[in-house]
Amino acid sequence: MDKELESRGHKFVRYADDLLIFCKSRRSAERTLTNILPFIEKKLFLKVNREKTVVDDVRRVKFLGFSFYSYKGQTRVRIHPKSIAKMRNKIRELTSRSNGMGNEARAVKLRRYITGWVNYFKLADMKKLLQITDEWMRRRIRMIYWKQWKRVRTRLDRLQSLGIQKQKAWEYANTRKSYWRTSNSPILSKSLDNKTIKGLGFLFFSDYYRQVTAHS
């Protein structure tokens, strides 16, 4: 297949049976599709999934979890919205308050998932995405700890041990606000700050992405 496309002068990218052929116009793409289908089915004896085989603008195409966009006249790579949604669902699952997972095990599983995910998608433009994801994930982690400190006395002691003055610690220890709302409060942002959360064994997407790209 690769040799045939090269002999016809096509620009393409393929991974296993996932293939994109790039053309300058829709008419050219439709003509290319019409001409290449007989080669695939009659010479290579392979079945083409007609539902998934489409002619479309490259900016709307999903390929191996990636998508494409134009920036200053160049076509660049980013992560497809469906891949982002899948990632967020996984983080939501791992940071669920009711999954019965201990915090050490949670940190280990998050670390494994984040390193694998970043290593796979590291070629994409995703700096801003990772910053937003980290903020959301940190808030979920704070919510987990706040729920675990469910007794007023426990909250008071933990907040004070993390540097919050007694009066403020007492005020928040008695709050009736929801776990999610409290997780975004200045008190928890200060007590369970980024450094503290890292010290508990958690890894952030942005930190690992910087490590990976610095050595690439």
Protein backbone atom coordinates (compact mmCIF):
# COMPACT_ATOMS: atom_id res chain seq x y z
CA MET A 1 0.00 0.00 0.00
CA ASP A 2 2.78 2.43 0.93
CA LYS A 3 4.69 1.69 -2.27
CA GLU A 4 1.57 2.17 -4.38
CA LEU A 5 0.80 5.53 -2.80
CA GLU A 6 4.42 6.65 -3.22
CA SER A 7 4.40 5.63 -6.89
CA ARG A 8 1.29 7.74 -7.42
CA GLY A 9 2.95 10.74 -5.76
CA HIS A 10 0.56 10.95 -2.81
CA LYS A 11 1.41 12.44 0.56
CA PHE A 12 0.09 10.16 3.28
CA VAL A 13 0.54 8.89 6.81
CA ARG A 14 -0.28 5.36 7.96
CA TYR A 15 -0.19 3.43 11.21
CA ALA A 16 -1.25 -0.23 10.91
CA ASP A 17 -4.59 -0.06 9.04
CA ASP A 18 -5.28 3.62 9.85
CA LEU A 19 -4.46 5.76 6.83
CA LEU A 20 -4.72 9.40 5.80
CA ILE A 21 -4.05 10.57 2.24
CA PHE A 22 -3.56 14.33 1.84
CA CYS A 23 -4.84 16.19 -1.23
CA LYS A 24 -5.02 19.86 -2.18
CA SER A 25 -8.74 19.94 -2.92
CA ARG A 26 -11.93 18.02 -2.23
CA ARG A 27 -12.25 17.11 -5.92
CA SER A 28 -8.72 15.71 -5.93
CA ALA A 29 -9.44 13.77 -2.73
CA GLU A 30 -12.62 12.26 -4.13
CA ARG A 31 -10.80 11.25 -7.29
CA THR A 32 -7.97 9.71 -5.25
CA LEU A 33 -10.41 7.73 -3.14
CA THR A 34 -12.21 6.42 -6.19
CA ASN A 35 -8.93 5.32 -7.77
CA ILE A 36 -7.33 3.75 -4.69
CA LEU A 37 -10.30 1.64 -3.54
CA PRO A 38 -10.00 -0.92 -6.39
CA PHE A 39 -6.29 -1.39 -5.60
CA ILE A 40 -7.00 -2.05 -1.91
CA GLU A 41 -9.91 -4.40 -2.46
CA LYS A 42 -9.03 -6.18 -5.71
CA LYS A 43 -5.22 -6.35 -5.54
CA LEU A 44 -4.56 -6.43 -1.81
CA PHE A 45 -7.81 -8.31 -1.09
CA LEU A 46 -8.55 -6.09 1.92
CA LYS A 47 -11.97 -4.93 3.04
CA VAL A 48 -12.48 -1.18 3.31
CA ASN A 49 -14.82 0.14 5.99
CA ARG A 50 -16.95 2.47 3.87
CA GLU A 51 -18.58 4.12 6.89
CA LYS A 52 -15.23 5.26 8.29
CA THR A 53 -13.67 6.07 4.92
CA VAL A 54 -14.47 9.70 4.18
CA VAL A 55 -13.28 12.76 2.31
CA ASP A 56 -13.07 15.65 4.75
CA ASP A 57 -11.17 18.77 5.78
CA VAL A 58 -8.05 17.80 7.71
CA ARG A 59 -9.15 20.00 10.64
CA ARG A 60 -12.14 17.71 11.23
CA VAL A 61 -10.24 14.44 10.99
CA LYS A 62 -9.41 12.25 14.01
CA PHE A 63 -6.28 10.12 13.58
CA LEU A 64 -4.94 7.92 16.39
CA GLY A 65 -6.45 10.32 18.93
CA PHE A 66 -4.96 13.41 17.27
CA SER A 67 -6.49 16.20 15.20
CA PHE A 68 -5.03 18.99 13.08
CA TYR A 69 -5.34 22.77 12.83
CA SER A 70 -3.87 25.66 10.89
CA TYR A 71 -1.65 28.26 12.54
CA LYS A 72 0.22 30.98 10.65
CA GLY A 73 -0.02 29.05 7.43
CA GLN A 74 1.18 25.77 8.94
CA THR A 75 -0.75 22.63 9.78
CA ARG A 76 -0.12 21.65 13.39
CA VAL A 77 -1.12 18.74 15.61
CA ARG A 78 -3.30 18.81 18.70
CA ILE A 79 -5.37 16.33 20.69
CA HIS A 80 -8.82 15.46 19.40
CA PRO A 81 -11.74 16.52 21.65
CA LYS A 82 -12.85 12.88 22.01
CA SER A 83 -9.39 11.95 23.33
CA ILE A 84 -9.54 14.85 25.80
CA ALA A 85 -12.97 13.74 27.01
CA LYS A 86 -11.70 10.19 27.48
CA MET A 87 -8.72 11.47 29.49
CA ARG A 88 -10.92 13.61 31.73
CA ASN A 89 -13.24 10.68 32.37
CA LYS A 90 -10.25 8.58 33.44
CA ILE A 91 -8.98 11.31 35.79
CA ARG A 92 -12.51 11.68 37.16
CA GLU A 93 -12.60 7.93 37.80
CA LEU A 94 -9.21 7.90 39.54
CA THR A 95 -10.10 10.92 41.69
CA SER A 96 -13.57 9.76 42.62
CA ARG A 97 -14.34 10.25 46.30
CA SER A 98 -16.21 6.94 46.43
CA ASN A 99 -13.97 4.46 44.60
CA GLY A 100 -12.55 3.07 47.85
CA MET A 101 -8.97 3.70 46.75
CA GLY A 102 -6.32 4.77 49.26
CA ASN A 103 -4.48 8.00 48.56
CA GLU A 104 -1.09 6.32 48.03
CA ALA A 105 -2.57 3.87 45.52
CA ARG A 106 -4.47 6.74 43.88
CA ALA A 107 -1.26 8.75 43.46
CA VAL A 108 0.52 5.74 41.93
CA LYS A 109 -2.29 5.03 39.45
CA LEU A 110 -2.55 8.69 38.47
CA ARG A 111 1.21 8.85 37.95
CA ARG A 112 1.16 5.78 35.71
CA TYR A 113 -1.74 7.09 33.68
CA ILE A 114 -0.31 10.61 33.29
CA THR A 115 3.15 9.40 32.20
CA GLY A 116 1.67 7.04 29.63
CA TRP A 117 -0.77 9.63 28.30
CA VAL A 118 1.81 12.41 27.98
CA ASN A 119 4.35 10.10 26.33
CA TYR A 120 1.75 9.13 23.72
CA PHE A 121 0.50 12.65 22.94
CA LYS A 122 3.75 14.59 23.49
CA LEU A 123 3.98 15.65 19.82
CA ALA A 124 0.74 17.62 20.09
CA ASP A 125 0.37 21.28 21.07
CA MET A 126 -1.18 20.93 24.52
CA LYS A 127 0.52 23.27 27.00
CA LYS A 128 -2.65 25.26 27.76
CA LEU A 129 -4.76 22.10 27.91
CA LEU A 130 -2.45 20.56 30.51
CA GLN A 131 -2.49 23.70 32.66
CA ILE A 132 -6.30 23.70 32.73
CA THR A 133 -6.40 19.96 33.39
CA ASP A 134 -3.93 20.28 36.28
CA GLU A 135 -6.02 23.01 37.93
CA TRP A 136 -9.13 20.83 37.69
CA MET A 137 -7.31 17.71 38.91
CA ARG A 138 -5.76 19.52 41.89
CA ARG A 139 -9.22 20.72 42.90
CA ARG A 140 -10.50 17.14 42.78
CA ILE A 141 -7.56 15.96 44.92
CA ARG A 142 -8.26 18.68 47.49
CA MET A 143 -11.88 17.60 47.54
CA ILE A 144 -10.83 14.02 48.34
CA TYR A 145 -8.77 15.09 51.34
CA TRP A 146 -11.45 17.48 52.57
CA LYS A 147 -14.01 14.68 52.52
CA GLN A 148 -11.63 12.41 54.41
CA TRP A 149 -11.19 15.10 57.08
CA LYS A 150 -14.92 14.96 57.72
CA ARG A 151 -14.83 15.60 61.47
CA VAL A 152 -14.55 19.21 62.61
CA ARG A 153 -11.66 18.40 64.94
CA THR A 154 -9.78 16.55 62.19
CA ARG A 155 -10.22 19.46 59.78
CA LEU A 156 -9.07 21.92 62.41
CA ASP A 157 -5.94 19.90 63.22
CA ARG A 158 -5.04 19.25 59.57
CA LEU A 159 -5.51 22.85 58.49
CA GLN A 160 -3.39 24.11 61.38
CA SER A 161 -0.68 21.55 60.63
CA LEU A 162 -0.61 22.90 57.06
CA GLY A 163 -0.03 26.49 58.18
CA ILE A 164 -3.55 27.94 58.55
CA GLN A 165 -4.09 30.15 61.61
CA LYS A 166 -6.43 28.71 64.25
CA GLN A 167 -9.25 31.23 63.78
CA LYS A 168 -9.44 30.69 60.00
CA ALA A 169 -8.95 26.95 60.43
CA TRP A 170 -11.85 26.85 62.90
CA GLU A 171 -14.04 28.87 60.55
CA TYR A 172 -13.47 26.49 57.64
CA ALA A 173 -13.60 23.37 59.79
CA ASN A 174 -17.22 24.29 60.54
CA THR A 175 -18.23 25.25 57.00
CA ARG A 176 -21.40 23.80 55.51
CA LYS A 177 -20.36 24.43 51.93
CA SER A 178 -20.21 21.47 49.55
CA TYR A 179 -17.00 19.47 49.13
CA TRP A 180 -16.57 20.73 45.57
CA ARG A 181 -17.12 24.37 46.47
CA THR A 182 -14.77 24.17 49.45
CA SER A 183 -12.08 22.55 47.30
CA ASN A 184 -11.73 25.84 45.43
CA SER A 185 -11.52 27.99 48.56
CA PRO A 186 -8.46 30.14 49.35
CA ILE A 187 -7.91 28.12 52.53
CA LEU A 188 -7.54 24.76 50.78
CA SER A 189 -5.60 26.33 47.91
CA LYS A 190 -3.13 27.64 50.49
CA SER A 191 -2.97 24.60 52.77
CA LEU A 192 -3.06 21.94 50.04
CA ASP A 193 -0.99 23.97 47.58
CA ASN A 194 0.86 22.54 44.59
CA LYS A 195 4.01 21.77 46.56
CA THR A 196 2.08 19.95 49.27
CA ILE A 197 0.12 17.87 46.77
CA LYS A 198 3.36 16.91 45.00
CA GLY A 199 4.79 15.95 48.39
CA LEU A 200 1.89 13.54 48.80
CA GLY A 201 3.12 11.68 45.70
CA PHE A 202 0.90 13.17 43.02
CA LEU A 203 2.20 14.06 39.55
CA PHE A 204 0.94 16.94 37.41
CA PHE A 205 0.54 16.74 33.62
CA SER A 206 2.43 20.00 33.01
CA ASP A 207 5.44 19.00 35.11
CA TYR A 208 5.87 15.68 33.35
CA TYR A 209 5.29 17.25 29.92
CA ARG A 210 8.13 19.71 30.59
CA GLN A 211 10.40 16.83 31.58
CA VAL A 212 9.59 14.88 28.43
CA THR A 213 9.90 17.80 26.00
CA ALA A 214 13.12 19.03 27.62
CA HIS A 215 14.83 15.76 26.68
CA SER A 216 13.32 15.40 23.20
